[in-house]
């Protein structure tokens, strides 16, 4: 589970939603707030894509030169 750091700021929209929750108990507001903090932390994670190799794929053997890839049988 992710934890917010010292510089974490909850979005203004979420703060407004929590403030406008009518008829909700403190426990319900705290649960909603924790859920929104988790969602915001998860949305800030950046997934780096894997590097792809540039070699041709297939079942044949390839002979690679500077200008082309030729199938060798």
N, C-alpha and C. Protein backbone atom coordinates (compact mmCIF):
# COMPACT_ATOMS: atom_id res chain seq x y z
N UNK A 1 0.83 -1.17 0.00
CA UNK A 1 0.00 0.00 0.00
C UNK A 1 0.89 1.25 0.00
N UNK A 2 0.53 2.19 -0.80
CA UNK A 2 1.30 3.42 -0.91
C UNK A 2 0.94 4.37 0.23
N UNK A 3 1.92 5.15 0.64
CA UNK A 3 1.68 6.13 1.68
C UNK A 3 2.05 7.51 1.15
N UNK A 4 1.26 8.52 1.49
CA UNK A 4 1.58 9.87 1.03
C UNK A 4 2.80 10.41 1.78
N UNK A 5 3.62 11.18 1.06
CA UNK A 5 4.80 11.77 1.66
C UNK A 5 4.49 13.12 2.29
N UNK A 6 5.53 13.82 2.69
CA UNK A 6 5.36 15.12 3.34
C UNK A 6 4.81 16.17 2.39
N UNK A 7 5.05 16.02 1.12
CA UNK A 7 4.64 17.04 0.14
C UNK A 7 3.34 16.68 -0.57
N UNK A 8 2.64 15.65 -0.11
CA UNK A 8 1.39 15.22 -0.76
C UNK A 8 0.30 16.25 -0.52
N UNK A 9 -0.43 16.59 -1.59
CA UNK A 9 -1.57 17.50 -1.47
C UNK A 9 -2.78 16.85 -2.12
N UNK A 10 -3.85 16.76 -1.38
CA UNK A 10 -5.10 16.21 -1.90
C UNK A 10 -5.70 17.23 -2.85
N UNK A 11 -6.30 16.77 -3.93
CA UNK A 11 -6.84 17.69 -4.93
C UNK A 11 -7.99 18.51 -4.35
N UNK A 12 -8.18 19.70 -4.89
CA UNK A 12 -9.23 20.60 -4.42
C UNK A 12 -10.62 20.00 -4.63
N UNK A 13 -10.79 19.28 -5.73
CA UNK A 13 -12.07 18.66 -6.02
C UNK A 13 -12.43 17.64 -4.95
N UNK A 14 -11.47 16.84 -4.55
CA UNK A 14 -11.71 15.83 -3.52
C UNK A 14 -12.01 16.49 -2.18
N UNK A 15 -11.26 17.53 -1.85
CA UNK A 15 -11.52 18.25 -0.60
C UNK A 15 -12.94 18.82 -0.59
N UNK A 16 -13.35 19.35 -1.73
CA UNK A 16 -14.69 19.93 -1.83
C UNK A 16 -15.76 18.85 -1.65
N UNK A 17 -15.55 17.70 -2.25
CA UNK A 17 -16.51 16.60 -2.13
C UNK A 17 -16.64 16.14 -0.68
N UNK A 18 -15.51 16.06 0.02
CA UNK A 18 -15.54 15.64 1.43
C UNK A 18 -16.29 16.67 2.27
N UNK A 19 -16.05 17.94 2.01
CA UNK A 19 -16.70 19.01 2.77
C UNK A 19 -18.21 19.04 2.54
N UNK A 20 -18.65 18.65 1.35
CA UNK A 20 -20.07 18.73 1.02
C UNK A 20 -20.84 17.43 1.28
N UNK A 21 -20.22 16.47 1.93
CA UNK A 21 -20.89 15.19 2.23
C UNK A 21 -21.90 15.42 3.36
N UNK A 22 -23.19 15.43 3.02
CA UNK A 22 -24.23 15.63 4.03
C UNK A 22 -24.64 14.29 4.61
N UNK A 23 -24.91 14.28 5.90
CA UNK A 23 -25.43 13.10 6.55
C UNK A 23 -24.41 11.98 6.72
N UNK A 24 -23.17 12.21 6.38
CA UNK A 24 -22.14 11.19 6.51
C UNK A 24 -21.47 11.32 7.88
N UNK A 25 -21.17 10.19 8.46
CA UNK A 25 -20.47 10.21 9.74
C UNK A 25 -18.99 10.49 9.50
N UNK A 26 -18.29 10.78 10.58
CA UNK A 26 -16.85 11.06 10.47
C UNK A 26 -16.13 9.83 9.93
N UNK A 27 -16.59 8.66 10.33
CA UNK A 27 -15.97 7.41 9.86
C UNK A 27 -16.13 7.25 8.35
N UNK A 28 -17.30 7.59 7.83
CA UNK A 28 -17.54 7.49 6.39
C UNK A 28 -16.70 8.49 5.62
N UNK A 29 -16.58 9.72 6.16
CA UNK A 29 -15.75 10.73 5.51
C UNK A 29 -14.28 10.31 5.50
N UNK A 30 -13.81 9.76 6.61
CA UNK A 30 -12.42 9.30 6.68
C UNK A 30 -12.15 8.16 5.71
N UNK A 31 -13.11 7.26 5.59
CA UNK A 31 -12.96 6.14 4.66
C UNK A 31 -12.91 6.65 3.22
N UNK A 32 -13.78 7.59 2.88
CA UNK A 32 -13.80 8.17 1.53
C UNK A 32 -12.50 8.92 1.26
N UNK A 33 -12.02 9.67 2.25
CA UNK A 33 -10.78 10.42 2.09
C UNK A 33 -9.60 9.49 1.85
N UNK A 34 -9.51 8.39 2.61
CA UNK A 34 -8.43 7.42 2.45
C UNK A 34 -8.48 6.78 1.06
N UNK A 35 -9.70 6.50 0.60
CA UNK A 35 -9.88 5.91 -0.72
C UNK A 35 -9.41 6.87 -1.81
N UNK A 36 -9.72 8.15 -1.68
CA UNK A 36 -9.31 9.15 -2.67
C UNK A 36 -7.80 9.38 -2.64
N UNK A 37 -7.19 9.32 -1.46
CA UNK A 37 -5.73 9.45 -1.36
C UNK A 37 -5.06 8.29 -2.08
N UNK A 38 -5.55 7.06 -1.85
CA UNK A 38 -5.00 5.89 -2.53
C UNK A 38 -5.14 6.01 -4.05
N UNK A 39 -6.30 6.47 -4.50
CA UNK A 39 -6.53 6.61 -5.94
C UNK A 39 -5.59 7.65 -6.54
N UNK A 40 -5.40 8.75 -5.86
CA UNK A 40 -4.51 9.80 -6.38
C UNK A 40 -3.07 9.33 -6.42
N UNK A 41 -2.63 8.59 -5.39
CA UNK A 41 -1.26 8.07 -5.38
C UNK A 41 -1.05 7.06 -6.50
N UNK A 42 -2.04 6.20 -6.74
CA UNK A 42 -1.92 5.20 -7.80
C UNK A 42 -1.91 5.86 -9.19
N UNK A 43 -2.64 6.96 -9.34
CA UNK A 43 -2.68 7.61 -10.65
C UNK A 43 -1.38 8.33 -10.97
N UNK A 44 -0.56 8.61 -9.97
CA UNK A 44 0.70 9.31 -10.19
C UNK A 44 1.86 8.38 -10.55
N UNK A 45 1.62 7.07 -10.50
CA UNK A 45 2.66 6.10 -10.85
C UNK A 45 2.83 6.07 -12.36
N UNK A 46 4.07 6.18 -12.83
CA UNK A 46 4.37 6.15 -14.26
C UNK A 46 4.96 4.79 -14.59
N UNK A 47 4.35 4.08 -15.51
CA UNK A 47 4.83 2.77 -15.93
C UNK A 47 5.72 2.96 -17.15
N UNK A 48 6.96 2.48 -17.05
CA UNK A 48 7.89 2.61 -18.17
C UNK A 48 7.74 1.39 -19.09
N UNK A 49 7.59 1.61 -20.39
CA UNK A 49 7.46 0.49 -21.32
C UNK A 49 8.79 -0.25 -21.47
N UNK A 50 8.69 -1.53 -21.78
CA UNK A 50 9.90 -2.33 -22.00
C UNK A 50 10.55 -1.92 -23.31
N UNK A 51 11.87 -2.03 -23.36
CA UNK A 51 12.58 -1.75 -24.61
C UNK A 51 12.39 -2.93 -25.54
N UNK A 52 12.11 -2.64 -26.80
CA UNK A 52 11.92 -3.70 -27.79
C UNK A 52 13.20 -3.83 -28.60
N UNK A 53 13.57 -5.07 -28.89
CA UNK A 53 14.74 -5.26 -29.74
C UNK A 53 14.32 -5.04 -31.19
N UNK A 54 15.24 -4.62 -32.00
CA UNK A 54 14.94 -4.24 -33.37
C UNK A 54 15.18 -5.37 -34.37
N UNK A 55 15.45 -6.58 -33.91
CA UNK A 55 15.72 -7.68 -34.83
C UNK A 55 14.41 -8.26 -35.33
N UNK A 56 14.40 -8.73 -36.57
CA UNK A 56 13.19 -9.32 -37.13
C UNK A 56 12.82 -10.61 -36.39
N UNK A 57 11.54 -10.89 -36.35
CA UNK A 57 11.06 -12.08 -35.65
C UNK A 57 10.52 -13.09 -36.67
N UNK A 58 10.51 -14.33 -36.27
CA UNK A 58 9.96 -15.36 -37.15
C UNK A 58 10.65 -16.68 -36.87
N UNK A 59 10.27 -17.70 -37.64
CA UNK A 59 10.83 -19.03 -37.45
C UNK A 59 12.04 -19.28 -38.34
N UNK A 60 12.25 -18.44 -39.34
CA UNK A 60 13.37 -18.62 -40.26
C UNK A 60 14.65 -18.02 -39.68
N UNK A 61 15.76 -18.46 -40.23
CA UNK A 61 17.04 -17.85 -39.87
C UNK A 61 17.24 -16.62 -40.73
N UNK A 62 17.76 -15.58 -40.13
CA UNK A 62 17.96 -14.34 -40.86
C UNK A 62 19.44 -13.99 -40.89
N UNK A 63 19.86 -13.47 -42.03
CA UNK A 63 21.20 -12.94 -42.17
C UNK A 63 21.04 -11.43 -42.24
N UNK A 64 21.58 -10.75 -41.25
CA UNK A 64 21.36 -9.31 -41.14
C UNK A 64 22.59 -8.57 -41.65
N UNK A 65 22.35 -7.63 -42.55
CA UNK A 65 23.41 -6.74 -43.04
C UNK A 65 23.05 -5.32 -42.62
N UNK A 66 23.86 -4.36 -43.01
CA UNK A 66 23.60 -2.98 -42.64
C UNK A 66 22.33 -2.43 -43.27
N UNK A 67 21.97 -2.94 -44.45
CA UNK A 67 20.84 -2.38 -45.16
C UNK A 67 19.60 -3.27 -45.17
N UNK A 68 19.72 -4.58 -44.87
CA UNK A 68 18.55 -5.44 -44.95
C UNK A 68 18.71 -6.70 -44.10
N UNK A 69 17.60 -7.41 -43.97
CA UNK A 69 17.59 -8.72 -43.32
C UNK A 69 17.06 -9.72 -44.33
N UNK A 70 17.84 -10.75 -44.62
CA UNK A 70 17.48 -11.72 -45.65
C UNK A 70 17.31 -13.07 -45.00
N UNK A 71 16.25 -13.77 -45.38
CA UNK A 71 15.98 -15.10 -44.86
C UNK A 71 16.93 -16.11 -45.50
N UNK A 72 17.56 -16.93 -44.65
CA UNK A 72 18.49 -17.93 -45.14
C UNK A 72 17.90 -19.31 -44.82
N UNK A 73 17.88 -20.20 -45.83
CA UNK A 73 17.31 -21.54 -45.60
C UNK A 73 18.35 -22.61 -45.70
